[in-house]
Protein backbone atom coordinates (compact mmCIF):
# COMPACT_ATOMS: atom_id res chain seq x y z
CA MET A 1 0.10 -0.17 0.02
CA GLU A 2 1.40 3.28 -0.48
CA GLN A 3 2.36 6.21 1.50
CA LYS A 4 -0.93 8.71 1.78
CA HIS A 5 0.25 12.26 1.34
CA PHE A 6 -2.37 14.67 2.59
CA ALA A 7 -2.19 18.70 1.18
CA GLN A 8 -4.16 21.92 1.29
CA VAL A 9 -6.25 23.12 -1.65
CA LEU A 10 -7.97 25.57 -2.60
CA ILE A 11 -11.09 24.98 -4.58
CA ASP A 12 -13.75 27.50 -5.27
CA GLY A 13 -12.63 30.45 -2.30
CA LYS A 14 -12.33 27.21 0.12
CA ILE A 15 -9.45 25.00 1.64
CA TYR A 16 -10.06 21.22 2.42
CA THR A 17 -7.09 19.47 3.63
CA VAL A 18 -7.50 15.79 0.51
CA GLY A 19 -5.27 12.95 1.24
CA ALA A 20 -4.69 10.26 -1.76
CA GLU A 21 -1.14 8.71 -3.05
CA GLU A 22 -0.40 11.82 -5.19
CA GLU A 23 2.04 13.50 -4.06
CA GLY A 24 0.68 17.58 -2.88
CA TYR A 25 1.55 19.00 -6.56
CA TYR A 26 -0.90 17.08 -8.40
CA LEU A 27 -3.20 17.14 -5.81
CA GLN A 28 -3.09 20.98 -6.07
CA LYS A 29 -3.06 20.90 -9.69
CA VAL A 30 -6.22 18.88 -9.58
CA ALA A 31 -7.62 21.69 -7.20
CA GLY A 32 -6.22 24.32 -10.17
CA TYR A 33 -8.27 22.15 -13.22
CA ILE A 34 -11.00 22.71 -11.27
CA ASN A 35 -10.90 26.32 -10.33
CA GLU A 36 -10.12 27.35 -14.06
CA LYS A 37 -13.65 24.98 -14.99
CA THR A 38 -15.76 27.04 -12.26
CA ALA A 39 -14.26 30.10 -13.10
CA ALA A 40 -14.96 29.76 -17.12
CA LEU A 41 -18.13 28.56 -16.32
CA ARG A 42 -19.17 31.94 -13.81
CA ARG A 43 -18.24 33.64 -16.63
CA GLN A 44 -21.31 32.45 -18.60
CA LYS A 45 -23.88 34.44 -18.81
CA GLY A 46 -26.36 33.49 -16.29
CA PHE A 47 -24.57 30.73 -14.67
CA ASN A 48 -24.11 32.26 -11.47
CA LYS A 49 -28.29 33.20 -11.01
CA GLN A 50 -28.74 29.48 -10.64
CA ASN A 51 -28.91 28.03 -7.81
CA GLN A 52 -25.92 26.15 -6.39
CA ASP A 53 -26.98 22.28 -6.51
CA TYR A 54 -26.85 23.30 -10.37
CA GLN A 55 -23.75 24.90 -10.86
CA SER A 56 -22.29 21.98 -8.62
CA MET A 57 -23.66 19.89 -11.88
CA MET A 58 -23.25 21.58 -14.27
CA ILE A 59 -19.18 21.91 -12.90
CA GLN A 60 -19.51 18.04 -12.48
CA LEU A 61 -20.85 17.38 -16.35
CA ASN A 62 -18.40 19.53 -17.99
CA ILE A 63 -15.40 17.80 -16.30
CA ALA A 64 -17.01 14.47 -16.95
CA ASP A 65 -17.18 15.84 -20.33
CA ASP A 66 -13.03 16.94 -20.87
CA TYR A 67 -12.74 12.88 -19.21
CA PHE A 68 -14.67 11.17 -21.80
CA LYS A 69 -13.21 13.37 -24.85
CA ALA A 70 -10.02 12.68 -23.25
CA LEU A 71 -10.70 9.30 -23.66
CA ASP A 72 -11.83 9.28 -26.50
CA GLU A 73 -8.64 11.27 -28.01
CA ILE A 74 -6.09 8.48 -26.48
CA GLU A 75 -8.43 5.84 -27.90
CA ALA A 76 -7.94 7.88 -31.57
CA LEU A 77 -3.99 8.04 -30.87
CA ARG A 78 -3.83 4.14 -30.22
CA LYS A 79 -5.80 3.07 -33.04
CA LYS A 80 -3.33 5.27 -35.24
CA CYS A 81 -0.21 4.12 -33.22
CA ASP A 82 -1.49 0.13 -33.96
CA GLU A 83 -1.98 1.11 -37.88
CA MET A 84 1.41 3.09 -37.87
CA GLU A 85 3.11 0.14 -36.48
CA THR A 86 1.73 -2.43 -39.08
CA GLU A 87 2.60 -0.26 -41.87
CA MET A 88 5.75 -0.16 -40.11
CA TYR A 89 6.50 -4.36 -39.85
CA SER A 90 4.94 -4.31 -43.94
CA LEU A 91 7.58 -1.67 -44.49
CA LYS A 92 10.23 -3.59 -42.69
CA HIS A 93 8.75 -6.48 -44.04
CA GLU A 94 9.23 -4.97 -47.55
CA LEU A 95 12.30 -3.58 -47.34
CA ILE A 96 13.89 -7.13 -46.32
CA SER A 97 12.01 -9.00 -48.97
CA LEU A 98 13.90 -5.92 -51.74
CA GLN A 99 17.36 -6.38 -49.36
CA MET A 100 17.60 -10.75 -50.35
CA LYS A 101 16.56 -9.75 -53.85
CA ASP A 102 18.80 -7.23 -54.33
CA ASP A 103 21.83 -9.13 -52.68
CA GLY A 104 20.59 -12.81 -55.08
CA ALA A 105 20.49 -10.39 -57.97
CA GLN A 106 24.39 -9.15 -57.05
CA GLY A 107 25.57 -13.15 -56.24
CA LYS A 108 24.18 -13.46 -60.39
CA VAL A 109 26.34 -10.92 -61.01
CA GLY A 110 29.15 -12.54 -59.27
CA ARG A 111 29.55 -15.62 -60.59
CA ALA A 112 28.66 -14.42 -64.55
């Protein structure tokens, strides 16, 4: 079991003490991200007029949206990586075949 780290973070103007396996700087980074999302939503017209539950739900939805978009991007990059690895394997195979043909042709020329 990893050691639990504690850090005080400022989220939406309130200080929280949180504990996690991650280091304090990471917890600060996560809190900063939440604050950025919150601030961006608060800048939208009418957001601050909504009740606290609605505001919290919208912040959560926006963070979840970022998460799922990141997952989609990761999947697309993995697929592209797999395609590139397949193409690289095919090109290596073709190169080896051409080198073998070239070596065979040079051997015939050398014997003539």
